Each structure stands twice: as structure tokens, then as C-alpha cells.
């Protein structure tokens, strides 16, 4: 499931119908945006945390709750591709798939049900918070596995001329919180200076991470 089943709440209302009776959301169709869809589905968006999640999902049939949310956010909130295509893709690949939890929570996360809040994850900042040492991303993305690639380059390979890394599908500045964007502007780094950032942190692909 996209979220744990015990955290799922029933979603009512018309798909794509925002609160207050405004116009329906116009979701883009993967068939008309095939490049964006394929890059998301296969883990080649140019955003490391999402790409690691999608490649882990393809290879194992599983990825953690945290990275599922980041992948869903990119598809629905940034690319504006139909969230139902994402739900179907997860249904096809997940070994722990459960119909009501998966579909209900994709609808919930897309803001297409009765609780249409904006749930937008800043995927680079999420990686800095939950995978600061880059252990999870390095495990699933061979392009970033070389220890010569510094941690900041693992977070933002598009900004560090990592060989073979594609340009991000979306403006990477939209994937930073304002605090991280300010730090980057002032110091040239997303991560704060300090000791080894991966000590004491759990990977977003680890057991129990939500």
C-alpha cells in the first residue's frame, strides 16, 4: 500500500473534484506525455530519491512508505500526470499491494478525493533529511555508487556534472524547501556543515521507516 493500511481513511467524492465545487483537475495522460511517464516509471527522472525508489520497486516489488510518497508527489503534483496511472503501476509491481489502501491513498495523496489538500514533497530536501549520507540512493543507483561522488553530488547530481546523469524532468529548485534553498544560496550546499551526516540516520528504504 502507498500508506500503511491502518493509516488509510476512506476517500469519498468525485475523482479530481476539488473542495468547494471548483472545476475538475485536468490530469495529463501518459499516452500524450510518454517520455515523462516512462522516465518516472523506470526511475530516470533525474531526481535521485525518486529514481532509487522506482528502481527498487521494479527490482524487488517493494519500496518504503517514505519513498512511495515522494514518487507519488512527483507524478501527481509536479508532472501533473494522471494519478490513476501511478496507482495502476504500483498495483502491478508491489508485492504487498492491497487494492483499497493503494487506490484510496493515491487518491488522497493526489488531492482528488474528499480531502484535497496540497501534499507536495520536496524530493531533494526529503533526501537530505532521510538519506543524508546517500546510502539508500547509492544502493539502487549505480550511477552514484562510486565513493568518489561526494554526498552533495548524490543529492544533486545534475548540479555536479555526474557522468551520464540526465537533466531533471522538473525544475530542481521546486524540490527544495525554502530553508534548504536559502542554505544552498548562501553556502553552495544543501546539507549543513557538521559530522558524517549518515550516522544515526535510517535509510528511507529501511524497515519501519514511514
N, C-alpha and C. Protein backbone atom coordinates (compact mmCIF):
# COMPACT_ATOMS: atom_id res chain seq x y z
N UNK A 1 0.83 -1.19 0.00
CA UNK A 1 0.00 0.00 0.00
C UNK A 1 0.87 1.25 0.00
N UNK A 2 0.35 2.32 -0.54
CA UNK A 2 1.11 3.56 -0.56
C UNK A 2 1.35 4.04 0.85
N UNK A 3 0.35 3.95 1.70
CA UNK A 3 0.49 4.21 3.12
C UNK A 3 0.10 2.94 3.86
N UNK A 4 0.47 2.82 5.13
CA UNK A 4 0.06 1.65 5.88
C UNK A 4 -1.45 1.59 5.97
N UNK A 5 -2.00 0.40 5.91
CA UNK A 5 -3.46 0.27 5.86
C UNK A 5 -4.13 0.85 7.08
N UNK A 6 -3.46 0.81 8.25
CA UNK A 6 -4.10 1.35 9.45
C UNK A 6 -4.18 2.88 9.41
N UNK A 7 -3.38 3.49 8.53
CA UNK A 7 -3.42 4.95 8.42
C UNK A 7 -4.33 5.45 7.33
N UNK A 8 -4.97 4.53 6.62
CA UNK A 8 -5.81 4.92 5.49
C UNK A 8 -7.18 5.33 5.97
N UNK A 9 -7.71 6.41 5.41
CA UNK A 9 -9.07 6.84 5.69
C UNK A 9 -9.87 6.77 4.40
N UNK A 10 -11.13 6.35 4.46
CA UNK A 10 -11.94 6.27 3.24
C UNK A 10 -12.00 7.63 2.55
N UNK A 11 -11.92 7.63 1.23
CA UNK A 11 -11.98 8.85 0.43
C UNK A 11 -13.27 8.85 -0.36
N UNK A 12 -14.05 9.90 -0.22
CA UNK A 12 -15.31 10.00 -0.91
C UNK A 12 -15.29 11.17 -1.88
N UNK A 13 -16.27 11.24 -2.75
CA UNK A 13 -16.37 12.34 -3.68
C UNK A 13 -15.87 11.97 -5.06
N UNK A 14 -16.08 12.87 -6.01
CA UNK A 14 -15.71 12.60 -7.39
C UNK A 14 -14.21 12.69 -7.57
N UNK A 15 -13.65 11.80 -8.37
CA UNK A 15 -12.22 11.82 -8.64
C UNK A 15 -11.87 13.14 -9.31
N UNK A 16 -10.85 13.80 -8.73
CA UNK A 16 -10.37 15.04 -9.34
C UNK A 16 -11.22 16.25 -9.03
N UNK A 17 -12.21 16.15 -8.15
CA UNK A 17 -13.09 17.28 -7.87
C UNK A 17 -12.65 17.97 -6.60
N UNK A 18 -12.11 19.19 -6.70
CA UNK A 18 -11.58 19.86 -5.53
C UNK A 18 -12.67 20.32 -4.58
N UNK A 19 -12.26 20.65 -3.37
CA UNK A 19 -13.18 21.15 -2.35
C UNK A 19 -13.76 22.49 -2.79
N UNK A 20 -15.04 22.69 -2.51
CA UNK A 20 -15.67 23.97 -2.81
C UNK A 20 -16.37 24.01 -4.15
N UNK A 21 -16.33 22.91 -4.92
CA UNK A 21 -17.07 22.85 -6.16
C UNK A 21 -16.39 23.49 -7.35
N UNK A 22 -15.07 23.74 -7.24
CA UNK A 22 -14.37 24.32 -8.39
C UNK A 22 -14.27 23.31 -9.52
N UNK A 23 -13.65 23.74 -10.62
CA UNK A 23 -13.57 22.89 -11.80
C UNK A 23 -12.73 21.65 -11.52
N UNK A 24 -13.00 20.62 -12.27
CA UNK A 24 -12.23 19.39 -12.16
C UNK A 24 -10.77 19.62 -12.52
N UNK A 25 -9.90 18.90 -11.85
CA UNK A 25 -8.48 18.95 -12.19
C UNK A 25 -8.28 18.27 -13.53
N UNK A 26 -7.51 18.88 -14.40
CA UNK A 26 -7.22 18.31 -15.71
C UNK A 26 -5.91 17.55 -15.63
N UNK A 27 -6.00 16.24 -15.42
CA UNK A 27 -4.80 15.42 -15.35
C UNK A 27 -4.27 15.14 -16.75
N UNK A 28 -2.95 15.21 -16.90
CA UNK A 28 -2.31 14.89 -18.16
C UNK A 28 -2.26 13.38 -18.33
N UNK A 29 -2.41 12.91 -19.55
CA UNK A 29 -2.45 11.48 -19.82
C UNK A 29 -1.07 10.96 -20.24
N UNK A 30 -0.65 9.86 -19.65
CA UNK A 30 0.67 9.30 -20.01
C UNK A 30 0.85 9.05 -21.50
N UNK A 31 -0.20 8.67 -22.20
CA UNK A 31 -0.09 8.39 -23.63
C UNK A 31 0.32 9.63 -24.41
N UNK A 32 -0.06 10.81 -23.91
CA UNK A 32 0.31 12.06 -24.58
C UNK A 32 1.61 12.65 -24.03
N UNK A 33 2.12 12.08 -22.96
CA UNK A 33 3.37 12.56 -22.36
C UNK A 33 4.24 11.34 -22.04
N UNK A 34 4.51 10.58 -23.09
CA UNK A 34 5.13 9.27 -22.92
C UNK A 34 6.53 9.36 -22.34
N UNK A 35 7.31 10.36 -22.74
CA UNK A 35 8.67 10.47 -22.23
C UNK A 35 8.67 10.68 -20.72
N UNK A 36 7.84 11.62 -20.26
CA UNK A 36 7.78 11.89 -18.81
C UNK A 36 7.31 10.66 -18.06
N UNK A 37 6.28 10.00 -18.60
CA UNK A 37 5.76 8.81 -17.94
C UNK A 37 6.83 7.72 -17.87
N UNK A 38 7.50 7.42 -18.95
CA UNK A 38 8.49 6.34 -18.96
C UNK A 38 9.64 6.66 -18.01
N UNK A 39 10.08 7.90 -17.98
CA UNK A 39 11.18 8.26 -17.10
C UNK A 39 10.78 8.12 -15.63
N UNK A 40 9.55 8.49 -15.31
CA UNK A 40 9.08 8.31 -13.92
C UNK A 40 8.97 6.82 -13.59
N UNK A 41 8.31 6.07 -14.46
CA UNK A 41 8.01 4.66 -14.18
C UNK A 41 9.27 3.81 -14.09
N UNK A 42 10.31 4.18 -14.81
CA UNK A 42 11.53 3.37 -14.84
C UNK A 42 12.64 3.92 -13.96
N UNK A 43 12.39 5.04 -13.28
CA UNK A 43 13.40 5.59 -12.39
C UNK A 43 14.50 6.33 -13.09
N UNK A 44 14.14 7.21 -14.02
CA UNK A 44 15.11 8.04 -14.72
C UNK A 44 14.63 9.50 -14.79
N UNK A 45 14.09 9.99 -13.68
CA UNK A 45 13.56 11.36 -13.65
C UNK A 45 14.66 12.40 -13.49
N UNK A 46 15.85 11.96 -13.07
CA UNK A 46 16.91 12.91 -12.77
C UNK A 46 16.88 13.40 -11.34
N UNK A 47 15.96 12.88 -10.52
CA UNK A 47 15.87 13.22 -9.10
C UNK A 47 16.18 11.94 -8.32
N UNK A 48 17.31 11.88 -7.63
CA UNK A 48 17.83 10.62 -7.12
C UNK A 48 16.90 9.84 -6.20
N UNK A 49 16.24 10.48 -5.25
CA UNK A 49 15.42 9.72 -4.32
C UNK A 49 14.27 9.02 -5.03
N UNK A 50 13.62 9.71 -5.95
CA UNK A 50 12.52 9.11 -6.72
C UNK A 50 13.05 8.00 -7.61
N UNK A 51 14.17 8.23 -8.26
CA UNK A 51 14.72 7.21 -9.15
C UNK A 51 15.12 5.95 -8.38
N UNK A 52 15.70 6.12 -7.21
CA UNK A 52 16.06 4.96 -6.39
C UNK A 52 14.82 4.19 -5.99
N UNK A 53 13.77 4.91 -5.62
CA UNK A 53 12.52 4.26 -5.22
C UNK A 53 11.93 3.43 -6.35
N UNK A 54 11.88 4.01 -7.54
CA UNK A 54 11.24 3.32 -8.66
C UNK A 54 12.08 2.15 -9.15
N UNK A 55 13.38 2.25 -9.07
CA UNK A 55 14.22 1.12 -9.48
C UNK A 55 14.17 0.00 -8.44
N UNK A 56 14.14 0.35 -7.16
CA UNK A 56 13.97 -0.66 -6.14
C UNK A 56 12.63 -1.38 -6.32
N UNK A 57 11.58 -0.61 -6.60
CA UNK A 57 10.26 -1.19 -6.80
C UNK A 57 10.26 -2.19 -7.95
N UNK A 58 10.90 -1.84 -9.05
CA UNK A 58 10.96 -2.74 -10.20
C UNK A 58 11.76 -4.00 -9.91
N UNK A 59 12.85 -3.84 -9.18
CA UNK A 59 13.74 -4.97 -8.95
C UNK A 59 13.28 -5.90 -7.83
N UNK A 60 12.53 -5.37 -6.86
CA UNK A 60 12.19 -6.17 -5.69
C UNK A 60 10.69 -6.29 -5.43
N UNK A 61 9.88 -5.43 -6.04
CA UNK A 61 8.45 -5.42 -5.74
C UNK A 61 8.13 -4.68 -4.46
N UNK A 62 9.08 -3.92 -3.96
CA UNK A 62 8.88 -3.21 -2.70
C UNK A 62 9.69 -1.93 -2.70
N UNK A 63 9.17 -0.90 -2.02
CA UNK A 63 9.96 0.24 -1.58
C UNK A 63 9.23 0.83 -0.38
N UNK A 64 9.92 1.59 0.42
CA UNK A 64 9.35 2.02 1.70
C UNK A 64 8.24 3.05 1.52
N UNK A 65 7.48 3.22 2.57
CA UNK A 65 6.40 4.20 2.60
C UNK A 65 6.90 5.60 2.24
N UNK A 66 8.03 5.98 2.82
CA UNK A 66 8.57 7.33 2.61
C UNK A 66 8.85 7.59 1.14
N UNK A 67 9.53 6.67 0.47
CA UNK A 67 9.89 6.94 -0.92
C UNK A 67 8.69 6.75 -1.85
N UNK A 68 7.71 5.93 -1.46
CA UNK A 68 6.47 5.85 -2.26
C UNK A 68 5.79 7.20 -2.30
N UNK A 69 5.76 7.87 -1.17
CA UNK A 69 5.12 9.19 -1.11
C UNK A 69 5.85 10.20 -2.00
N UNK A 70 7.18 10.14 -2.00
CA UNK A 70 7.94 11.06 -2.85
C UNK A 70 7.69 10.78 -4.33
N UNK A 71 7.63 9.51 -4.71
CA UNK A 71 7.35 9.17 -6.10
C UNK A 71 5.95 9.62 -6.51
N UNK A 72 4.98 9.42 -5.62
CA UNK A 72 3.61 9.84 -5.91
C UNK A 72 3.52 11.36 -6.03
N UNK A 73 4.22 12.07 -5.18
CA UNK A 73 4.21 13.52 -5.22
C UNK A 73 4.74 14.04 -6.55
N UNK A 74 5.85 13.48 -7.00
CA UNK A 74 6.42 13.95 -8.27
C UNK A 74 5.46 13.72 -9.42
N UNK A 75 4.84 12.54 -9.46
CA UNK A 75 3.93 12.23 -10.56
C UNK A 75 2.71 13.15 -10.56
N UNK A 76 2.07 13.25 -9.41
CA UNK A 76 0.78 13.95 -9.35
C UNK A 76 0.92 15.46 -9.20
N UNK A 77 1.88 15.92 -8.40
CA UNK A 77 1.97 17.34 -8.10
C UNK A 77 2.91 18.11 -9.01
N UNK A 78 3.95 17.47 -9.49
CA UNK A 78 4.91 18.17 -10.35
C UNK A 78 4.65 17.90 -11.83
N UNK A 79 4.55 16.63 -12.18
CA UNK A 79 4.33 16.28 -13.59
C UNK A 79 2.87 16.41 -13.99
N UNK A 80 1.97 16.39 -13.02
CA UNK A 80 0.52 16.50 -13.24
C UNK A 80 -0.01 15.36 -14.11
N UNK A 81 0.69 14.25 -14.10
CA UNK A 81 0.20 13.08 -14.82
C UNK A 81 -0.87 12.38 -13.99
N UNK A 82 -1.80 11.74 -14.66
CA UNK A 82 -2.96 11.14 -14.01
C UNK A 82 -2.52 10.18 -12.90
N UNK A 83 -2.93 10.49 -11.68
CA UNK A 83 -2.53 9.67 -10.54
C UNK A 83 -3.02 8.23 -10.66
N UNK A 84 -4.09 8.01 -11.42
CA UNK A 84 -4.61 6.65 -11.57
C UNK A 84 -3.64 5.76 -12.33
N UNK A 85 -2.86 6.36 -13.24
CA UNK A 85 -1.82 5.59 -13.92
C UNK A 85 -0.74 5.16 -12.92
N UNK A 86 -0.40 6.06 -12.00
CA UNK A 86 0.56 5.71 -10.95
C UNK A 86 0.05 4.61 -10.06
N UNK A 87 -1.23 4.68 -9.70
CA UNK A 87 -1.83 3.64 -8.86
C UNK A 87 -1.80 2.29 -9.57
N UNK A 88 -2.08 2.29 -10.85
CA UNK A 88 -2.04 1.03 -11.61
C UNK A 88 -0.62 0.48 -11.68
N UNK A 89 0.35 1.36 -11.86
CA UNK A 89 1.74 0.91 -11.94
C UNK A 89 2.18 0.29 -10.61
N UNK A 90 1.82 0.92 -9.51
CA UNK A 90 2.14 0.35 -8.20
C UNK A 90 1.41 -0.97 -8.00
N UNK A 91 0.16 -1.03 -8.42
CA UNK A 91 -0.61 -2.26 -8.28
C UNK A 91 0.07 -3.41 -9.02
N UNK A 92 0.62 -3.11 -10.17
CA UNK A 92 1.26 -4.13 -11.00
C UNK A 92 2.55 -4.63 -10.36
N UNK A 93 3.29 -3.74 -9.70
CA UNK A 93 4.63 -4.07 -9.24
C UNK A 93 4.73 -4.46 -7.77
N UNK A 94 3.87 -3.95 -6.92
CA UNK A 94 4.02 -4.16 -5.48
C UNK A 94 3.68 -5.59 -5.05
N UNK A 95 4.56 -6.18 -4.30
CA UNK A 95 4.26 -7.50 -3.73
C UNK A 95 3.31 -7.38 -2.54
N UNK A 96 3.27 -6.20 -1.90
CA UNK A 96 2.38 -6.00 -0.75
C UNK A 96 1.13 -5.21 -1.13
N UNK A 97 0.78 -5.26 -2.42
CA UNK A 97 -0.36 -4.47 -2.89
C UNK A 97 -1.67 -4.90 -2.24
N UNK A 98 -2.45 -3.90 -1.81
CA UNK A 98 -3.80 -4.11 -1.30
C UNK A 98 -4.67 -3.05 -1.96
N UNK A 99 -5.72 -3.47 -2.65
CA UNK A 99 -6.45 -2.60 -3.58
C UNK A 99 -6.95 -1.33 -2.90
N UNK A 100 -7.71 -1.45 -1.83
CA UNK A 100 -8.34 -0.27 -1.24
C UNK A 100 -7.30 0.70 -0.68
N UNK A 101 -6.26 0.17 -0.04
CA UNK A 101 -5.24 1.05 0.52
C UNK A 101 -4.47 1.77 -0.58
N UNK A 102 -4.06 1.03 -1.61
CA UNK A 102 -3.28 1.63 -2.69
C UNK A 102 -4.09 2.70 -3.43
N UNK A 103 -5.27 2.36 -3.89
CA UNK A 103 -6.06 3.31 -4.66
C UNK A 103 -6.61 4.44 -3.80
N UNK A 104 -7.05 4.11 -2.59
CA UNK A 104 -7.55 5.16 -1.72
C UNK A 104 -6.49 6.17 -1.37
N UNK A 105 -5.28 5.71 -1.14
CA UNK A 105 -4.23 6.63 -0.73
C UNK A 105 -3.58 7.36 -1.90
N UNK A 106 -3.56 6.76 -3.08
CA UNK A 106 -3.15 7.54 -4.25
C UNK A 106 -4.13 8.70 -4.47
N UNK A 107 -5.41 8.44 -4.35
CA UNK A 107 -6.41 9.49 -4.48
C UNK A 107 -6.21 10.56 -3.41
N UNK A 108 -5.98 10.11 -2.18
CA UNK A 108 -5.75 11.02 -1.05
C UNK A 108 -4.52 11.89 -1.31
N UNK A 109 -3.42 11.25 -1.78
CA UNK A 109 -2.20 11.99 -1.97
C UNK A 109 -2.30 12.95 -3.15
N UNK A 110 -3.06 12.58 -4.17
CA UNK A 110 -3.23 13.46 -5.33
C UNK A 110 -4.18 14.61 -5.05
N UNK A 111 -4.88 14.56 -3.93
CA UNK A 111 -5.87 15.61 -3.62
C UNK A 111 -7.10 15.49 -4.48
N UNK A 112 -7.42 14.26 -4.88
CA UNK A 112 -8.52 14.06 -5.82
C UNK A 112 -9.78 13.56 -5.15
N UNK A 113 -9.76 13.37 -3.85
CA UNK A 113 -10.93 12.87 -3.15
C UNK A 113 -11.58 13.95 -2.30
N UNK A 114 -12.09 13.53 -1.15
CA UNK A 114 -12.81 14.45 -0.29
C UNK A 114 -11.91 15.27 0.63
N UNK A 115 -10.60 15.11 0.52
CA UNK A 115 -9.66 15.85 1.36
C UNK A 115 -8.55 16.40 0.48
N UNK A 116 -8.89 17.41 -0.36
CA UNK A 116 -7.98 17.83 -1.43
C UNK A 116 -6.90 18.82 -1.00
N UNK A 117 -6.13 18.47 0.02
CA UNK A 117 -5.03 19.31 0.43
C UNK A 117 -3.86 19.15 -0.53
N UNK A 118 -2.98 20.16 -0.52
CA UNK A 118 -1.79 20.09 -1.35
C UNK A 118 -0.69 19.35 -0.59
N UNK A 119 -0.42 18.14 -0.97
CA UNK A 119 0.61 17.33 -0.33
C UNK A 119 1.79 17.20 -1.30
N UNK A 120 2.63 18.21 -1.28
CA UNK A 120 3.75 18.25 -2.21
C UNK A 120 5.04 18.00 -1.46
N UNK A 121 5.74 16.94 -1.82
CA UNK A 121 7.01 16.61 -1.19
C UNK A 121 8.14 17.23 -2.01
N UNK A 122 9.05 17.88 -1.32
CA UNK A 122 10.26 18.43 -1.95
C UNK A 122 11.31 17.33 -1.93
N UNK A 123 11.46 16.64 -3.05
CA UNK A 123 12.18 15.37 -3.03
C UNK A 123 13.67 15.50 -2.70
N UNK A 124 14.31 16.58 -3.09
CA UNK A 124 15.73 16.76 -2.76
C UNK A 124 15.87 17.02 -1.26
N UNK A 125 15.00 17.86 -0.72
CA UNK A 125 15.04 18.10 0.73
C UNK A 125 14.66 16.85 1.51
N UNK A 126 13.76 16.05 0.98
CA UNK A 126 13.41 14.79 1.63
C UNK A 126 14.63 13.86 1.68
N UNK A 127 15.38 13.82 0.59
CA UNK A 127 16.59 13.00 0.57
C UNK A 127 17.61 13.52 1.58
N UNK A 128 17.75 14.84 1.68
CA UNK A 128 18.69 15.42 2.64
C UNK A 128 18.30 15.09 4.07
N UNK A 129 17.00 14.99 4.32
CA UNK A 129 16.51 14.72 5.67
C UNK A 129 16.57 13.25 6.03
N UNK A 130 16.19 12.37 5.09
CA UNK A 130 16.05 10.95 5.41
C UNK A 130 17.17 10.06 4.87
N UNK A 131 17.99 10.60 3.96
CA UNK A 131 19.09 9.81 3.40
C UNK A 131 20.30 10.71 3.22
N UNK A 132 20.64 11.44 4.28
CA UNK A 132 21.67 12.47 4.18
C UNK A 132 23.02 11.91 3.75
N UNK A 133 23.29 10.67 4.13
CA UNK A 133 24.56 10.07 3.72
C UNK A 133 24.54 9.44 2.35
N UNK A 134 23.35 9.39 1.74
CA UNK A 134 23.22 8.85 0.40
C UNK A 134 23.28 7.33 0.32
N UNK A 135 23.15 6.63 1.45
CA UNK A 135 23.30 5.18 1.45
C UNK A 135 22.21 4.50 0.63
N UNK A 136 20.98 4.94 0.80
CA UNK A 136 19.87 4.32 0.07
C UNK A 136 19.99 4.59 -1.43
N UNK A 137 20.23 5.83 -1.78
CA UNK A 137 20.33 6.21 -3.20
C UNK A 137 21.50 5.48 -3.87
N UNK A 138 22.63 5.42 -3.21
CA UNK A 138 23.80 4.74 -3.80
C UNK A 138 23.51 3.26 -4.03
N UNK A 139 22.72 2.66 -3.14
CA UNK A 139 22.44 1.23 -3.27
C UNK A 139 21.68 0.91 -4.54
N UNK A 140 20.76 1.78 -4.95
CA UNK A 140 19.88 1.47 -6.07
C UNK A 140 20.24 2.18 -7.36
N UNK A 141 21.14 3.15 -7.28
CA UNK A 141 21.52 3.90 -8.48
C UNK A 141 23.01 3.71 -8.73
N UNK A 142 23.39 2.81 -9.63
CA UNK A 142 24.82 2.57 -9.88
C UNK A 142 25.56 3.81 -10.38
N UNK A 143 24.84 4.73 -10.99
CA UNK A 143 25.47 5.96 -11.47
C UNK A 143 26.09 6.77 -10.32
N UNK A 144 25.55 6.57 -9.10
CA UNK A 144 26.00 7.35 -7.95
C UNK A 144 26.73 6.50 -6.91
N UNK A 145 27.00 5.25 -7.24
CA UNK A 145 27.56 4.32 -6.26
C UNK A 145 29.03 4.56 -5.97
N UNK A 146 29.74 5.16 -6.91
CA UNK A 146 31.17 5.40 -6.73
C UNK A 146 31.40 6.31 -5.52
N UNK A 147 32.27 5.90 -4.62
CA UNK A 147 32.55 6.70 -3.43
C UNK A 147 33.20 8.03 -3.76
N UNK A 148 33.71 8.15 -4.98
CA UNK A 148 34.30 9.42 -5.41
C UNK A 148 33.23 10.50 -5.60
N UNK A 149 31.97 10.07 -5.74
CA UNK A 149 30.87 11.02 -5.87
C UNK A 149 30.53 11.50 -4.46
N UNK A 150 30.73 12.78 -4.19
CA UNK A 150 30.51 13.31 -2.85
C UNK A 150 29.02 13.32 -2.51
N UNK A 151 28.71 13.47 -1.22
CA UNK A 151 27.33 13.41 -0.77
C UNK A 151 26.48 14.51 -1.40
N UNK A 152 27.02 15.69 -1.55
CA UNK A 152 26.25 16.77 -2.18
C UNK A 152 25.93 16.43 -3.63
N UNK A 153 26.86 15.74 -4.29
CA UNK A 153 26.60 15.33 -5.67
C UNK A 153 25.57 14.21 -5.73
N UNK A 154 25.51 13.38 -4.69
CA UNK A 154 24.48 12.36 -4.64
C UNK A 154 23.10 13.00 -4.50
N UNK A 155 23.01 14.08 -3.74
CA UNK A 155 21.75 14.80 -3.58
C UNK A 155 21.35 15.52 -4.86
N UNK A 156 22.34 16.13 -5.53
CA UNK A 156 22.06 16.96 -6.71
C UNK A 156 23.06 16.64 -7.82
N UNK A 157 23.02 15.45 -8.38
CA UNK A 157 23.99 15.09 -9.42
C UNK A 157 23.89 15.96 -10.65
N UNK A 158 22.72 16.48 -10.92
CA UNK A 158 22.52 17.37 -12.08
C UNK A 158 23.32 18.66 -11.94
N UNK A 159 23.69 19.03 -10.73
CA UNK A 159 24.44 20.27 -10.50
C UNK A 159 25.93 20.02 -10.35
N UNK A 160 26.35 18.75 -10.40
CA UNK A 160 27.75 18.40 -10.17
C UNK A 160 28.36 17.63 -11.34
N UNK A 161 27.75 17.73 -12.48
CA UNK A 161 28.29 17.12 -13.70
C UNK A 161 28.63 15.65 -13.52
N UNK A 162 27.75 14.90 -12.85
CA UNK A 162 27.95 13.46 -12.70
C UNK A 162 27.74 12.82 -14.07
N UNK A 163 28.70 12.05 -14.51
CA UNK A 163 28.67 11.48 -15.84
C UNK A 163 27.44 10.59 -16.05
N UNK A 164 26.74 10.85 -17.15
CA UNK A 164 25.58 10.04 -17.50
C UNK A 164 24.30 10.41 -16.80
N UNK A 165 24.35 11.41 -15.92
CA UNK A 165 23.12 11.76 -15.19
C UNK A 165 22.23 12.65 -16.05
N UNK A 166 20.94 12.33 -16.18
CA UNK A 166 20.06 13.13 -17.05
C UNK A 166 19.61 14.43 -16.38
N UNK A 167 19.20 15.36 -17.19
CA UNK A 167 18.60 16.59 -16.65
C UNK A 167 17.28 16.23 -15.97
N UNK A 168 16.98 16.85 -14.84
CA UNK A 168 15.73 16.54 -14.14
C UNK A 168 14.50 16.86 -15.00
N UNK A 169 13.47 16.06 -14.80
CA UNK A 169 12.21 16.27 -15.53
C UNK A 169 11.54 17.57 -15.14
N UNK A 170 11.78 18.03 -13.91
CA UNK A 170 11.17 19.27 -13.43
C UNK A 170 12.28 20.17 -12.91
N UNK A 171 11.96 21.43 -12.71
CA UNK A 171 12.92 22.38 -12.16
C UNK A 171 13.35 21.89 -10.78
N UNK A 172 14.63 21.57 -10.58
CA UNK A 172 15.05 21.03 -9.28
C UNK A 172 14.89 22.01 -8.13
N UNK A 173 14.80 23.29 -8.43
CA UNK A 173 14.58 24.26 -7.36
C UNK A 173 13.23 24.04 -6.67
N UNK A 174 12.28 23.45 -7.39
CA UNK A 174 10.96 23.18 -6.79
C UNK A 174 11.01 22.00 -5.83
N UNK A 175 12.15 21.32 -5.78
CA UNK A 175 12.30 20.14 -4.93
C UNK A 175 13.06 20.44 -3.64
N UNK A 176 13.19 21.72 -3.33
CA UNK A 176 13.86 22.16 -2.11
C UNK A 176 12.88 22.94 -1.24
N UNK A 177 12.95 22.74 0.07
CA UNK A 177 12.23 23.61 0.99
C UNK A 177 12.89 24.99 0.95
N UNK A 178 12.19 25.98 1.45
CA UNK A 178 12.78 27.32 1.39
C UNK A 178 14.02 27.40 2.27
N UNK A 179 14.05 26.64 3.37
CA UNK A 179 15.23 26.65 4.23
C UNK A 179 16.44 26.06 3.50
N UNK A 180 16.22 24.94 2.80
CA UNK A 180 17.34 24.32 2.08
C UNK A 180 17.76 25.17 0.88
N UNK A 181 16.79 25.79 0.23
CA UNK A 181 17.12 26.68 -0.89
C UNK A 181 17.95 27.87 -0.41
N UNK A 182 17.62 28.39 0.76
CA UNK A 182 18.38 29.52 1.31
C UNK A 182 19.80 29.08 1.67
N UNK A 183 19.93 27.91 2.30
CA UNK A 183 21.26 27.41 2.66
C UNK A 183 22.10 27.18 1.40
N UNK A 184 21.48 26.62 0.37
CA UNK A 184 22.19 26.39 -0.88
C UNK A 184 22.68 27.70 -1.48
N UNK A 185 21.83 28.71 -1.43
CA UNK A 185 22.19 30.02 -1.98
C UNK A 185 23.34 30.65 -1.21
N UNK A 186 23.35 30.46 0.10
CA UNK A 186 24.35 31.12 0.94
C UNK A 186 25.66 30.36 1.04
N UNK A 187 25.58 29.00 0.99
CA UNK A 187 26.79 28.21 1.24
C UNK A 187 27.19 27.32 0.07
N UNK A 188 26.30 27.17 -0.90
CA UNK A 188 26.57 26.26 -2.01
C UNK A 188 26.32 24.81 -1.67
N UNK A 189 25.71 24.55 -0.49
CA UNK A 189 25.42 23.21 -0.03
C UNK A 189 23.96 23.11 0.42
N UNK A 190 23.38 21.93 0.25
CA UNK A 190 22.06 21.66 0.81
C UNK A 190 22.19 21.17 2.24
N UNK A 191 23.18 20.31 2.48
CA UNK A 191 23.40 19.77 3.82
C UNK A 191 24.15 20.78 4.68
N UNK A 192 23.75 20.92 5.95
CA UNK A 192 24.51 21.78 6.85
C UNK A 192 25.87 21.19 7.13
N UNK A 193 26.84 22.03 7.40
CA UNK A 193 28.17 21.54 7.76
C UNK A 193 28.09 20.82 9.09
N UNK A 194 28.89 19.77 9.25
CA UNK A 194 28.87 19.03 10.50
C UNK A 194 29.48 17.66 10.33
N UNK A 195 29.28 16.78 11.32
CA UNK A 195 29.84 15.43 11.24
C UNK A 195 29.19 14.61 10.16
N UNK A 196 29.70 13.41 9.96
CA UNK A 196 29.20 12.47 8.96
C UNK A 196 27.68 12.41 9.01
N UNK A 197 26.98 12.89 7.96
CA UNK A 197 25.53 13.06 8.04
C UNK A 197 24.74 11.77 8.07
N UNK A 198 25.35 10.61 7.70
CA UNK A 198 24.54 9.40 7.68
C UNK A 198 24.59 8.63 9.00
N UNK A 199 25.41 9.08 9.95
CA UNK A 199 25.46 8.40 11.23
C UNK A 199 24.17 8.65 12.01
N UNK A 200 23.60 7.59 12.49
CA UNK A 200 22.40 7.70 13.31
C UNK A 200 21.13 7.90 12.52
N UNK A 201 21.21 7.92 11.19
CA UNK A 201 20.01 8.10 10.38
C UNK A 201 19.63 6.78 9.75
N UNK A 202 18.32 6.60 9.58
CA UNK A 202 17.82 5.39 8.95
C UNK A 202 17.53 5.68 7.50
N UNK A 203 17.84 4.74 6.65
CA UNK A 203 17.58 4.91 5.23
C UNK A 203 16.08 4.89 4.96
N UNK A 204 15.62 5.64 3.96
CA UNK A 204 14.19 5.61 3.62
C UNK A 204 13.75 4.27 3.08
N UNK A 205 14.66 3.39 2.74
CA UNK A 205 14.29 2.06 2.29
C UNK A 205 14.40 1.02 3.40
N UNK A 206 14.73 1.48 4.60
CA UNK A 206 14.90 0.54 5.69
C UNK A 206 13.59 0.13 6.32
N UNK A 207 13.61 -0.91 7.12
CA UNK A 207 12.42 -1.41 7.76
C UNK A 207 11.88 -0.38 8.75
N UNK A 208 10.58 -0.17 8.72
CA UNK A 208 9.93 0.66 9.70
C UNK A 208 9.94 2.14 9.41
N UNK A 209 10.61 2.56 8.34
CA UNK A 209 10.64 3.99 8.03
C UNK A 209 9.33 4.38 7.38
N UNK A 210 8.68 5.38 7.91
CA UNK A 210 7.40 5.82 7.35
C UNK A 210 7.47 7.25 7.02
